[in-house]
């Protein structure tokens, strides 16, 4: 495996280049110095700390609060968990919502019936101390031929974790690989 990608081949992201450090497998960020033309002109940033136990615990608790609010149709609690910002996005199974106001309007108009669900293959991954993703599959008794997929991006603002982007979709159950054969710790 190649240990790096030349700057002109790398993808620019937030003022720097993301590269794989093949020997350790860690994702690291390299910022480009002014006028960088080759690998030697790159400054190595701090390695990203993935899945710090205390941060995983915080995000897992926030995710669990979200799940309880969702199945209990606690609209105010759900609204508080999404960042109040016009750049917060939620793509749903039948709607595309841009901004906290659209998300809150959707939640206020949603039926409280049939929200109970069973989760499977939930994966919470944290990157540093202020960013995380939560991904899960869900199943509802009212729709046994379908599996739901939910992904959320969480960011810590002050002492609170907020969802800044979410995506929910449904697919036919038959398209899902054996849900018990993930190889990851299920929660």
N, C-alpha and C. Protein backbone atom coordinates (compact mmCIF):
# COMPACT_ATOMS: atom_id res chain seq x y z
N UNK A 1 0.84 -1.18 0.00
CA UNK A 1 0.00 0.00 0.00
C UNK A 1 0.88 1.24 0.00
N UNK A 2 0.49 2.21 -0.74
CA UNK A 2 1.21 3.46 -0.83
C UNK A 2 1.09 4.21 0.49
N UNK A 3 2.17 4.81 0.98
CA UNK A 3 2.13 5.51 2.26
C UNK A 3 1.61 6.92 2.16
N UNK A 4 1.45 7.44 0.98
CA UNK A 4 0.94 8.79 0.84
C UNK A 4 0.56 9.10 -0.58
N UNK A 5 -0.04 10.23 -0.72
CA UNK A 5 -0.45 10.70 -2.03
C UNK A 5 0.18 12.06 -2.24
N UNK A 6 0.73 12.27 -3.42
CA UNK A 6 1.35 13.55 -3.72
C UNK A 6 0.32 14.66 -3.58
N UNK A 7 0.74 15.86 -3.15
CA UNK A 7 -0.22 16.94 -2.91
C UNK A 7 -1.14 17.21 -4.09
N UNK A 8 -0.64 17.13 -5.32
CA UNK A 8 -1.50 17.42 -6.47
C UNK A 8 -2.53 16.32 -6.71
N UNK A 9 -2.36 15.15 -6.09
CA UNK A 9 -3.31 14.05 -6.24
C UNK A 9 -4.26 13.97 -5.05
N UNK A 10 -3.91 14.59 -3.95
CA UNK A 10 -4.74 14.52 -2.75
C UNK A 10 -5.96 15.42 -2.90
N UNK A 11 -6.96 15.15 -2.09
CA UNK A 11 -8.17 15.97 -2.14
C UNK A 11 -8.07 17.06 -1.09
N UNK A 12 -8.29 18.28 -1.51
CA UNK A 12 -8.24 19.41 -0.60
C UNK A 12 -9.47 19.39 0.30
N UNK A 13 -9.26 19.53 1.59
CA UNK A 13 -10.38 19.50 2.53
C UNK A 13 -10.04 20.41 3.70
N UNK A 14 -10.81 21.44 3.90
CA UNK A 14 -10.66 22.34 5.04
C UNK A 14 -9.24 22.87 5.18
N UNK A 15 -8.65 23.27 4.10
CA UNK A 15 -7.32 23.88 4.15
C UNK A 15 -6.19 22.89 4.28
N UNK A 16 -6.41 21.64 4.10
CA UNK A 16 -5.35 20.66 4.23
C UNK A 16 -5.63 19.43 3.41
N UNK A 17 -4.74 18.47 3.47
CA UNK A 17 -4.89 17.22 2.75
C UNK A 17 -5.04 16.09 3.75
N UNK A 18 -5.96 15.16 3.46
CA UNK A 18 -6.09 13.97 4.28
C UNK A 18 -5.27 12.87 3.64
N UNK A 19 -4.54 12.12 4.43
CA UNK A 19 -3.69 11.07 3.90
C UNK A 19 -3.74 9.87 4.82
N UNK A 20 -3.50 8.72 4.27
CA UNK A 20 -3.43 7.51 5.08
C UNK A 20 -1.96 7.22 5.38
N UNK A 21 -1.67 7.03 6.65
CA UNK A 21 -0.35 6.60 7.07
C UNK A 21 -0.41 5.08 7.09
N UNK A 22 -0.03 4.45 5.99
CA UNK A 22 -0.23 3.01 5.79
C UNK A 22 0.39 2.14 6.89
N UNK A 23 1.62 2.40 7.37
CA UNK A 23 2.18 1.50 8.38
C UNK A 23 1.34 1.42 9.65
N UNK A 24 0.74 2.52 10.08
CA UNK A 24 -0.04 2.48 11.32
C UNK A 24 -1.53 2.42 11.04
N UNK A 25 -1.94 2.73 9.82
CA UNK A 25 -3.35 2.69 9.48
C UNK A 25 -4.14 3.88 10.01
N UNK A 26 -3.48 4.86 10.59
CA UNK A 26 -4.18 6.01 11.15
C UNK A 26 -4.46 7.04 10.07
N UNK A 27 -5.62 7.66 10.19
CA UNK A 27 -5.93 8.77 9.32
C UNK A 27 -5.30 10.02 9.93
N UNK A 28 -4.47 10.69 9.18
CA UNK A 28 -3.80 11.87 9.71
C UNK A 28 -4.05 13.05 8.79
N UNK A 29 -3.92 14.20 9.32
CA UNK A 29 -4.13 15.40 8.55
C UNK A 29 -2.81 16.11 8.35
N UNK A 30 -2.55 16.45 7.11
CA UNK A 30 -1.34 17.19 6.79
C UNK A 30 -1.74 18.52 6.19
N UNK A 31 -1.28 19.56 6.78
CA UNK A 31 -1.56 20.89 6.26
C UNK A 31 -0.47 21.28 5.27
N UNK A 32 -0.89 21.96 4.27
CA UNK A 32 0.05 22.37 3.24
C UNK A 32 0.69 23.70 3.64
N UNK A 33 1.99 23.71 3.65
CA UNK A 33 2.71 24.95 3.88
C UNK A 33 2.60 25.80 2.62
N UNK A 34 2.78 27.04 2.76
CA UNK A 34 2.72 27.93 1.62
C UNK A 34 3.71 27.50 0.55
N UNK A 35 3.23 27.25 -0.65
CA UNK A 35 4.07 26.88 -1.77
C UNK A 35 4.50 25.43 -1.79
N UNK A 36 3.85 24.57 -1.02
CA UNK A 36 4.24 23.16 -0.98
C UNK A 36 4.12 22.53 -2.35
N UNK A 37 5.17 21.83 -2.77
CA UNK A 37 5.16 21.17 -4.08
C UNK A 37 5.45 19.68 -3.98
N UNK A 38 5.90 19.21 -2.81
CA UNK A 38 6.17 17.78 -2.67
C UNK A 38 5.95 17.35 -1.23
N UNK A 39 6.12 16.06 -0.99
CA UNK A 39 5.86 15.48 0.32
C UNK A 39 6.70 16.10 1.42
N UNK A 40 7.91 16.51 1.11
CA UNK A 40 8.80 17.07 2.13
C UNK A 40 8.35 18.44 2.60
N UNK A 41 7.48 19.10 1.84
CA UNK A 41 7.00 20.42 2.23
C UNK A 41 5.75 20.36 3.09
N UNK A 42 5.30 19.17 3.43
CA UNK A 42 4.10 19.02 4.24
C UNK A 42 4.45 19.00 5.71
N UNK A 43 3.63 19.67 6.52
CA UNK A 43 3.81 19.64 7.97
C UNK A 43 2.83 18.63 8.54
N UNK A 44 3.32 17.71 9.34
CA UNK A 44 2.48 16.68 9.92
C UNK A 44 1.73 17.23 11.12
N UNK A 45 0.39 17.09 11.12
CA UNK A 45 -0.42 17.52 12.24
C UNK A 45 -0.52 16.39 13.27
N UNK A 46 -1.19 16.67 14.36
CA UNK A 46 -1.38 15.65 15.38
C UNK A 46 -2.26 14.54 14.84
N UNK A 47 -1.95 13.29 15.16
CA UNK A 47 -2.81 12.18 14.73
C UNK A 47 -4.20 12.32 15.36
N UNK A 48 -5.22 11.97 14.62
CA UNK A 48 -6.58 12.02 15.11
C UNK A 48 -6.78 10.93 16.15
N UNK A 49 -7.37 11.27 17.28
CA UNK A 49 -7.68 10.29 18.31
C UNK A 49 -9.09 9.77 18.06
N UNK A 50 -9.19 8.51 17.71
CA UNK A 50 -10.48 7.90 17.38
C UNK A 50 -10.96 7.05 18.56
N UNK A 51 -12.23 7.20 18.87
CA UNK A 51 -12.91 6.40 19.90
C UNK A 51 -12.29 6.50 21.29
N UNK A 52 -12.04 7.72 21.73
CA UNK A 52 -11.62 7.91 23.12
C UNK A 52 -12.78 7.44 24.01
N UNK A 53 -12.52 6.56 24.97
CA UNK A 53 -13.61 5.95 25.75
C UNK A 53 -14.57 6.94 26.39
N UNK A 54 -14.06 8.02 26.98
CA UNK A 54 -14.96 8.98 27.62
C UNK A 54 -15.84 9.71 26.61
N UNK A 55 -15.32 9.95 25.42
CA UNK A 55 -16.09 10.64 24.39
C UNK A 55 -17.15 9.69 23.81
N UNK A 56 -16.77 8.44 23.59
CA UNK A 56 -17.74 7.44 23.11
C UNK A 56 -18.89 7.33 24.12
N UNK A 57 -18.57 7.35 25.40
CA UNK A 57 -19.60 7.27 26.44
C UNK A 57 -20.55 8.47 26.37
N UNK A 58 -20.01 9.67 26.17
CA UNK A 58 -20.84 10.87 26.06
C UNK A 58 -21.78 10.80 24.85
N UNK A 59 -21.23 10.42 23.71
CA UNK A 59 -22.02 10.37 22.48
C UNK A 59 -23.05 9.25 22.56
N UNK A 60 -22.66 8.13 23.13
CA UNK A 60 -23.62 7.03 23.29
C UNK A 60 -24.79 7.45 24.15
N UNK A 61 -24.52 8.21 25.20
CA UNK A 61 -25.60 8.71 26.06
C UNK A 61 -26.49 9.69 25.30
N UNK A 62 -25.88 10.57 24.50
CA UNK A 62 -26.67 11.51 23.70
C UNK A 62 -27.53 10.77 22.68
N UNK A 63 -26.95 9.74 22.06
CA UNK A 63 -27.69 8.94 21.08
C UNK A 63 -28.87 8.23 21.76
N UNK A 64 -28.65 7.69 22.94
CA UNK A 64 -29.72 7.01 23.67
C UNK A 64 -30.83 7.99 24.05
N UNK A 65 -30.46 9.22 24.47
CA UNK A 65 -31.48 10.24 24.77
C UNK A 65 -32.28 10.57 23.51
N UNK A 66 -31.58 10.65 22.39
CA UNK A 66 -32.26 10.91 21.11
C UNK A 66 -33.26 9.79 20.81
N UNK A 67 -32.83 8.55 20.94
CA UNK A 67 -33.69 7.41 20.63
C UNK A 67 -34.93 7.41 21.52
N UNK A 68 -34.76 7.65 22.80
CA UNK A 68 -35.91 7.69 23.71
C UNK A 68 -36.86 8.83 23.36
N UNK A 69 -36.32 9.97 23.00
CA UNK A 69 -37.16 11.11 22.60
C UNK A 69 -37.89 10.80 21.29
N UNK A 70 -37.21 10.11 20.37
CA UNK A 70 -37.81 9.79 19.08
C UNK A 70 -39.00 8.84 19.25
N UNK A 71 -38.80 7.71 19.91
CA UNK A 71 -39.89 6.74 20.03
C UNK A 71 -40.99 7.24 20.96
N UNK A 72 -40.67 8.19 21.84
CA UNK A 72 -41.67 8.79 22.72
C UNK A 72 -42.30 10.05 22.14
N UNK A 73 -41.89 10.41 20.93
CA UNK A 73 -42.37 11.61 20.24
C UNK A 73 -42.25 12.86 21.12
N UNK A 74 -41.12 13.00 21.77
CA UNK A 74 -40.84 14.17 22.61
C UNK A 74 -40.25 15.27 21.71
N UNK A 75 -41.14 16.00 21.07
CA UNK A 75 -40.75 16.94 20.02
C UNK A 75 -39.77 18.01 20.52
N UNK A 76 -40.04 18.57 21.69
CA UNK A 76 -39.14 19.61 22.21
C UNK A 76 -37.73 19.06 22.46
N UNK A 77 -37.65 17.86 23.00
CA UNK A 77 -36.34 17.25 23.24
C UNK A 77 -35.63 16.97 21.92
N UNK A 78 -36.36 16.46 20.92
CA UNK A 78 -35.76 16.21 19.61
C UNK A 78 -35.25 17.51 18.99
N UNK A 79 -36.06 18.56 19.06
CA UNK A 79 -35.63 19.85 18.51
C UNK A 79 -34.36 20.35 19.19
N UNK A 80 -34.26 20.13 20.49
CA UNK A 80 -33.08 20.60 21.23
C UNK A 80 -31.83 19.81 20.88
N UNK A 81 -31.98 18.60 20.37
CA UNK A 81 -30.82 17.77 20.03
C UNK A 81 -30.22 18.10 18.67
N UNK A 82 -30.97 18.80 17.83
CA UNK A 82 -30.45 19.24 16.54
C UNK A 82 -29.93 20.66 16.70
N UNK A 83 -28.80 20.94 16.11
CA UNK A 83 -28.22 22.29 16.20
C UNK A 83 -29.17 23.29 15.58
N UNK A 84 -29.43 24.36 16.30
CA UNK A 84 -30.32 25.42 15.81
C UNK A 84 -29.52 26.31 14.87
N UNK A 85 -29.50 25.89 13.60
CA UNK A 85 -28.68 26.55 12.60
C UNK A 85 -29.29 26.28 11.22
N UNK A 86 -29.28 27.26 10.33
CA UNK A 86 -29.84 27.02 9.00
C UNK A 86 -29.04 26.00 8.18
N UNK A 87 -27.84 25.66 8.63
CA UNK A 87 -27.01 24.68 7.91
C UNK A 87 -27.21 23.25 8.41
N UNK A 88 -28.03 23.07 9.44
CA UNK A 88 -28.35 21.73 9.92
C UNK A 88 -29.28 21.07 8.90
N UNK A 89 -28.96 19.83 8.53
CA UNK A 89 -29.71 19.14 7.47
C UNK A 89 -30.20 17.79 7.97
N UNK A 90 -31.43 17.45 7.55
CA UNK A 90 -31.97 16.11 7.82
C UNK A 90 -32.63 15.62 6.54
N UNK A 91 -32.07 14.57 5.96
CA UNK A 91 -32.70 13.90 4.83
C UNK A 91 -33.47 12.73 5.41
N UNK A 92 -34.79 12.74 5.22
CA UNK A 92 -35.63 11.69 5.76
C UNK A 92 -36.04 10.71 4.70
N UNK A 93 -36.85 9.74 5.10
CA UNK A 93 -37.33 8.73 4.17
C UNK A 93 -38.21 9.33 3.09
N UNK A 94 -38.85 10.46 3.37
CA UNK A 94 -39.72 11.08 2.38
C UNK A 94 -39.61 12.58 2.33
N UNK A 95 -38.56 13.14 2.90
CA UNK A 95 -38.44 14.60 2.94
C UNK A 95 -36.97 15.00 3.00
N UNK A 96 -36.68 16.20 2.49
CA UNK A 96 -35.35 16.80 2.57
C UNK A 96 -35.52 18.10 3.35
N UNK A 97 -34.92 18.18 4.51
CA UNK A 97 -35.13 19.32 5.40
C UNK A 97 -33.83 20.09 5.58
N UNK A 98 -33.90 21.37 5.29
CA UNK A 98 -32.73 22.26 5.39
C UNK A 98 -32.98 23.28 6.48
N UNK A 99 -32.14 23.24 7.48
CA UNK A 99 -32.24 24.19 8.58
C UNK A 99 -33.09 23.67 9.72
N UNK A 100 -32.76 24.16 10.91
CA UNK A 100 -33.46 23.74 12.12
C UNK A 100 -34.96 24.02 12.03
N UNK A 101 -35.35 25.13 11.45
CA UNK A 101 -36.77 25.48 11.38
C UNK A 101 -37.57 24.44 10.59
N UNK A 102 -37.05 23.99 9.45
CA UNK A 102 -37.76 22.98 8.67
C UNK A 102 -37.82 21.65 9.42
N UNK A 103 -36.75 21.31 10.12
CA UNK A 103 -36.72 20.06 10.89
C UNK A 103 -37.75 20.12 12.01
N UNK A 104 -37.79 21.25 12.72
CA UNK A 104 -38.76 21.41 13.82
C UNK A 104 -40.19 21.38 13.30
N UNK A 105 -40.45 21.97 12.15
CA UNK A 105 -41.80 21.95 11.57
C UNK A 105 -42.20 20.53 11.23
N UNK A 106 -41.28 19.76 10.65
CA UNK A 106 -41.55 18.36 10.34
C UNK A 106 -41.88 17.59 11.61
N UNK A 107 -41.07 17.75 12.64
CA UNK A 107 -41.29 17.02 13.89
C UNK A 107 -42.66 17.36 14.50
N UNK A 108 -43.01 18.64 14.48
CA UNK A 108 -44.28 19.07 15.07
C UNK A 108 -45.49 18.48 14.35
N UNK A 109 -45.35 18.21 13.05
CA UNK A 109 -46.46 17.68 12.27
C UNK A 109 -46.48 16.18 12.12
N UNK A 110 -45.49 15.51 12.64
CA UNK A 110 -45.38 14.06 12.48
C UNK A 110 -46.34 13.33 13.43
N UNK A 111 -46.93 12.27 12.93
CA UNK A 111 -47.82 11.45 13.75
C UNK A 111 -47.03 10.78 14.87
N UNK A 112 -47.59 10.74 16.06
CA UNK A 112 -46.92 10.06 17.18
C UNK A 112 -47.12 8.54 17.15
N UNK A 113 -47.85 8.04 16.20
CA UNK A 113 -48.15 6.61 16.12
C UNK A 113 -47.05 5.86 15.36
N UNK A 114 -46.78 4.64 15.78
CA UNK A 114 -45.87 3.75 15.05
C UNK A 114 -44.40 4.14 15.08
N UNK A 115 -43.95 4.82 16.12
CA UNK A 115 -42.56 5.26 16.18
C UNK A 115 -41.64 4.24 16.87
N UNK A 116 -42.22 3.28 17.58
CA UNK A 116 -41.39 2.27 18.26
C UNK A 116 -40.58 1.50 17.22
N UNK A 117 -39.36 1.15 17.59
CA UNK A 117 -38.48 0.43 16.67
C UNK A 117 -37.43 -0.33 17.44
N UNK A 118 -36.88 -1.32 16.79
CA UNK A 118 -35.75 -2.08 17.33
C UNK A 118 -34.50 -1.68 16.56
N UNK A 119 -33.42 -1.44 17.28
CA UNK A 119 -32.16 -1.06 16.64
C UNK A 119 -31.25 -2.27 16.48
N UNK A 120 -30.40 -2.20 15.46
CA UNK A 120 -29.43 -3.25 15.21
C UNK A 120 -28.17 -2.63 14.60
N UNK A 121 -27.04 -3.23 14.88
CA UNK A 121 -25.76 -2.83 14.30
C UNK A 121 -25.44 -1.34 14.51
N UNK A 122 -25.74 -0.86 15.68
CA UNK A 122 -25.45 0.55 15.99
C UNK A 122 -23.94 0.71 16.15
N UNK A 123 -23.39 1.69 15.45
CA UNK A 123 -21.96 1.97 15.52
C UNK A 123 -21.79 3.46 15.82
N UNK A 124 -21.13 3.75 16.94
CA UNK A 124 -20.80 5.13 17.31
C UNK A 124 -19.29 5.25 17.20
N UNK A 125 -18.85 6.21 16.41
CA UNK A 125 -17.43 6.44 16.23
C UNK A 125 -17.13 7.90 16.53
N UNK A 126 -16.14 8.14 17.36
CA UNK A 126 -15.78 9.51 17.69
C UNK A 126 -14.42 9.84 17.08
N UNK A 127 -14.28 11.09 16.69
CA UNK A 127 -13.05 11.59 16.08
C UNK A 127 -12.63 12.81 16.89
N UNK A 128 -11.58 12.64 17.69
CA UNK A 128 -11.21 13.71 18.60
C UNK A 128 -12.24 13.82 19.70
N UNK A 129 -12.41 15.01 20.24
CA UNK A 129 -13.33 15.22 21.36
C UNK A 129 -14.59 15.98 20.97
N UNK A 130 -14.71 16.36 19.69
CA UNK A 130 -15.84 17.21 19.33
C UNK A 130 -16.62 16.77 18.10
N UNK A 131 -16.31 15.60 17.53
CA UNK A 131 -17.05 15.13 16.35
C UNK A 131 -17.28 13.63 16.46
N UNK A 132 -18.48 13.21 16.04
CA UNK A 132 -18.82 11.79 16.08
C UNK A 132 -19.86 11.46 15.02
N UNK A 133 -19.92 10.19 14.68
CA UNK A 133 -20.98 9.69 13.82
C UNK A 133 -21.72 8.59 14.57
N UNK A 134 -23.01 8.49 14.31
CA UNK A 134 -23.83 7.42 14.87
C UNK A 134 -24.60 6.80 13.70
N UNK A 135 -24.43 5.51 13.52
CA UNK A 135 -25.09 4.80 12.42
C UNK A 135 -25.82 3.60 13.01
N UNK A 136 -27.03 3.37 12.53
CA UNK A 136 -27.79 2.24 13.04
C UNK A 136 -28.79 1.76 12.00
N UNK A 137 -29.16 0.51 12.12
CA UNK A 137 -30.29 -0.04 11.36
C UNK A 137 -31.46 -0.09 12.32
N UNK A 138 -32.68 0.04 11.78
CA UNK A 138 -33.84 -0.08 12.65
C UNK A 138 -34.95 -0.83 11.94
N UNK A 139 -35.79 -1.46 12.78
CA UNK A 139 -36.88 -2.29 12.30
C UNK A 139 -38.15 -1.88 13.03
N UNK A 140 -39.25 -1.75 12.28
CA UNK A 140 -40.55 -1.42 12.87
C UNK A 140 -41.52 -2.55 12.56
N UNK A 141 -42.30 -2.93 13.57
CA UNK A 141 -43.26 -4.03 13.42
C UNK A 141 -44.28 -3.73 12.33
N UNK A 142 -44.62 -2.48 12.15
CA UNK A 142 -45.61 -2.10 11.15
C UNK A 142 -45.09 -2.25 9.72
N UNK A 143 -43.79 -2.41 9.56
CA UNK A 143 -43.20 -2.50 8.23
C UNK A 143 -42.12 -3.60 8.21
N UNK A 144 -42.53 -4.86 8.40
CA UNK A 144 -41.55 -5.94 8.57
C UNK A 144 -40.71 -6.26 7.34
N UNK A 145 -41.12 -5.83 6.17
CA UNK A 145 -40.35 -6.13 4.95
C UNK A 145 -39.27 -5.09 4.68
N UNK A 146 -39.16 -4.10 5.54
CA UNK A 146 -38.20 -3.01 5.33
C UNK A 146 -37.22 -2.93 6.49
N UNK A 147 -36.05 -2.42 6.18
CA UNK A 147 -35.07 -2.07 7.21
C UNK A 147 -34.76 -0.59 7.03
N UNK A 148 -34.75 0.12 8.16
CA UNK A 148 -34.40 1.53 8.14
C UNK A 148 -32.92 1.70 8.40
N UNK A 149 -32.37 2.76 7.80
CA UNK A 149 -30.96 3.10 8.02
C UNK A 149 -30.91 4.54 8.48
N UNK A 150 -30.15 4.78 9.52
CA UNK A 150 -30.04 6.13 10.07
C UNK A 150 -28.57 6.45 10.31
N UNK A 151 -28.16 7.60 9.84
CA UNK A 151 -26.80 8.08 10.10
C UNK A 151 -26.90 9.51 10.60
N UNK A 152 -26.11 9.82 11.61
CA UNK A 152 -26.09 11.17 12.17
C UNK A 152 -24.65 11.62 12.37
N UNK A 153 -24.44 12.90 12.14
CA UNK A 153 -23.16 13.54 12.49
C UNK A 153 -23.43 14.40 13.71
N UNK A 154 -22.65 14.18 14.75
CA UNK A 154 -22.79 14.90 16.02
C UNK A 154 -21.55 15.77 16.23
N UNK A 155 -21.77 16.99 16.72
CA UNK A 155 -20.68 17.91 17.05
C UNK A 155 -20.92 18.43 18.46
N UNK A 156 -19.84 18.54 19.22
CA UNK A 156 -19.95 19.06 20.58
C UNK A 156 -19.78 20.57 20.56
N UNK A 157 -20.80 21.25 21.07
CA UNK A 157 -20.78 22.71 21.21
C UNK A 157 -20.84 23.00 22.71
N UNK A 158 -19.75 23.53 23.25
CA UNK A 158 -19.70 23.72 24.70
C UNK A 158 -19.74 22.36 25.38
N UNK A 159 -20.76 22.15 26.21
CA UNK A 159 -20.92 20.87 26.91
C UNK A 159 -21.99 19.98 26.29
N UNK A 160 -22.56 20.40 25.15
CA UNK A 160 -23.67 19.65 24.56
C UNK A 160 -23.33 19.08 23.19
N UNK A 161 -23.76 17.84 22.97
CA UNK A 161 -23.64 17.21 21.66
C UNK A 161 -24.90 17.51 20.87
N UNK A 162 -24.73 17.95 19.62
CA UNK A 162 -25.85 18.30 18.76
C UNK A 162 -25.72 17.57 17.42
N UNK A 163 -26.85 17.16 16.87
CA UNK A 163 -26.87 16.59 15.52
C UNK A 163 -26.78 17.76 14.54
N UNK A 164 -25.84 17.69 13.61
CA UNK A 164 -25.70 18.73 12.59
C UNK A 164 -26.10 18.23 11.21
N UNK A 165 -26.16 16.90 11.05
CA UNK A 165 -26.61 16.30 9.78
C UNK A 165 -27.14 14.91 10.08
N UNK A 166 -28.23 14.57 9.40
CA UNK A 166 -28.83 13.24 9.60
C UNK A 166 -29.41 12.76 8.28
N UNK A 167 -29.43 11.44 8.14
CA UNK A 167 -30.00 10.81 6.94
C UNK A 167 -30.75 9.56 7.40
N UNK A 168 -31.99 9.44 6.97
CA UNK A 168 -32.82 8.28 7.27
C UNK A 168 -33.35 7.74 5.96
N UNK A 169 -33.25 6.44 5.77
CA UNK A 169 -33.79 5.83 4.55
C UNK A 169 -34.31 4.43 4.87
N UNK A 170 -35.13 3.91 3.98
CA UNK A 170 -35.68 2.57 4.10
C UNK A 170 -35.34 1.78 2.85
N UNK A 171 -35.00 0.51 3.05
CA UNK A 171 -34.77 -0.39 1.92
C UNK A 171 -35.47 -1.72 2.22
N UNK A 172 -35.60 -2.54 1.20
CA UNK A 172 -36.16 -3.87 1.39
C UNK A 172 -35.24 -4.69 2.28
N UNK A 173 -35.81 -5.43 3.20
CA UNK A 173 -35.04 -6.28 4.12
C UNK A 173 -34.10 -7.22 3.38
N UNK A 174 -34.51 -7.74 2.26
CA UNK A 174 -33.70 -8.71 1.51
C UNK A 174 -32.35 -8.14 1.07
N UNK A 175 -32.23 -6.82 0.96
CA UNK A 175 -30.99 -6.21 0.50
C UNK A 175 -29.94 -6.08 1.59
N UNK A 176 -30.31 -6.39 2.82
CA UNK A 176 -29.39 -6.23 3.94
C UNK A 176 -28.65 -7.54 4.19
N UNK A 177 -27.34 -7.44 4.33
CA UNK A 177 -26.52 -8.61 4.67
C UNK A 177 -26.94 -9.04 6.08
N UNK A 178 -26.75 -10.31 6.40
CA UNK A 178 -27.14 -10.83 7.71
C UNK A 178 -26.82 -9.83 8.81
N UNK A 179 -27.86 -9.36 9.48
CA UNK A 179 -27.69 -8.30 10.46
C UNK A 179 -26.93 -8.74 11.71
N UNK A 180 -26.78 -10.04 11.92
CA UNK A 180 -26.02 -10.50 13.09
C UNK A 180 -24.57 -10.82 12.74
N UNK A 181 -24.18 -10.64 11.48
CA UNK A 181 -22.85 -11.00 11.03
C UNK A 181 -22.04 -9.75 10.71
N UNK A 182 -21.99 -8.83 11.65
CA UNK A 182 -21.34 -7.55 11.43
C UNK A 182 -19.86 -7.57 11.81
N UNK A 183 -19.52 -8.27 12.86
CA UNK A 183 -18.14 -8.27 13.33
C UNK A 183 -17.83 -7.09 14.22
N UNK A 184 -18.83 -6.24 14.48
CA UNK A 184 -18.65 -5.09 15.36
C UNK A 184 -19.47 -5.32 16.62
N UNK A 185 -19.07 -4.67 17.68
CA UNK A 185 -19.82 -4.73 18.93
C UNK A 185 -21.17 -4.07 18.71
N UNK A 186 -22.24 -4.79 18.89
CA UNK A 186 -23.58 -4.24 18.70
C UNK A 186 -24.09 -3.68 20.01
N UNK A 187 -24.79 -2.57 19.92
CA UNK A 187 -25.37 -1.99 21.13
C UNK A 187 -26.81 -1.67 20.92
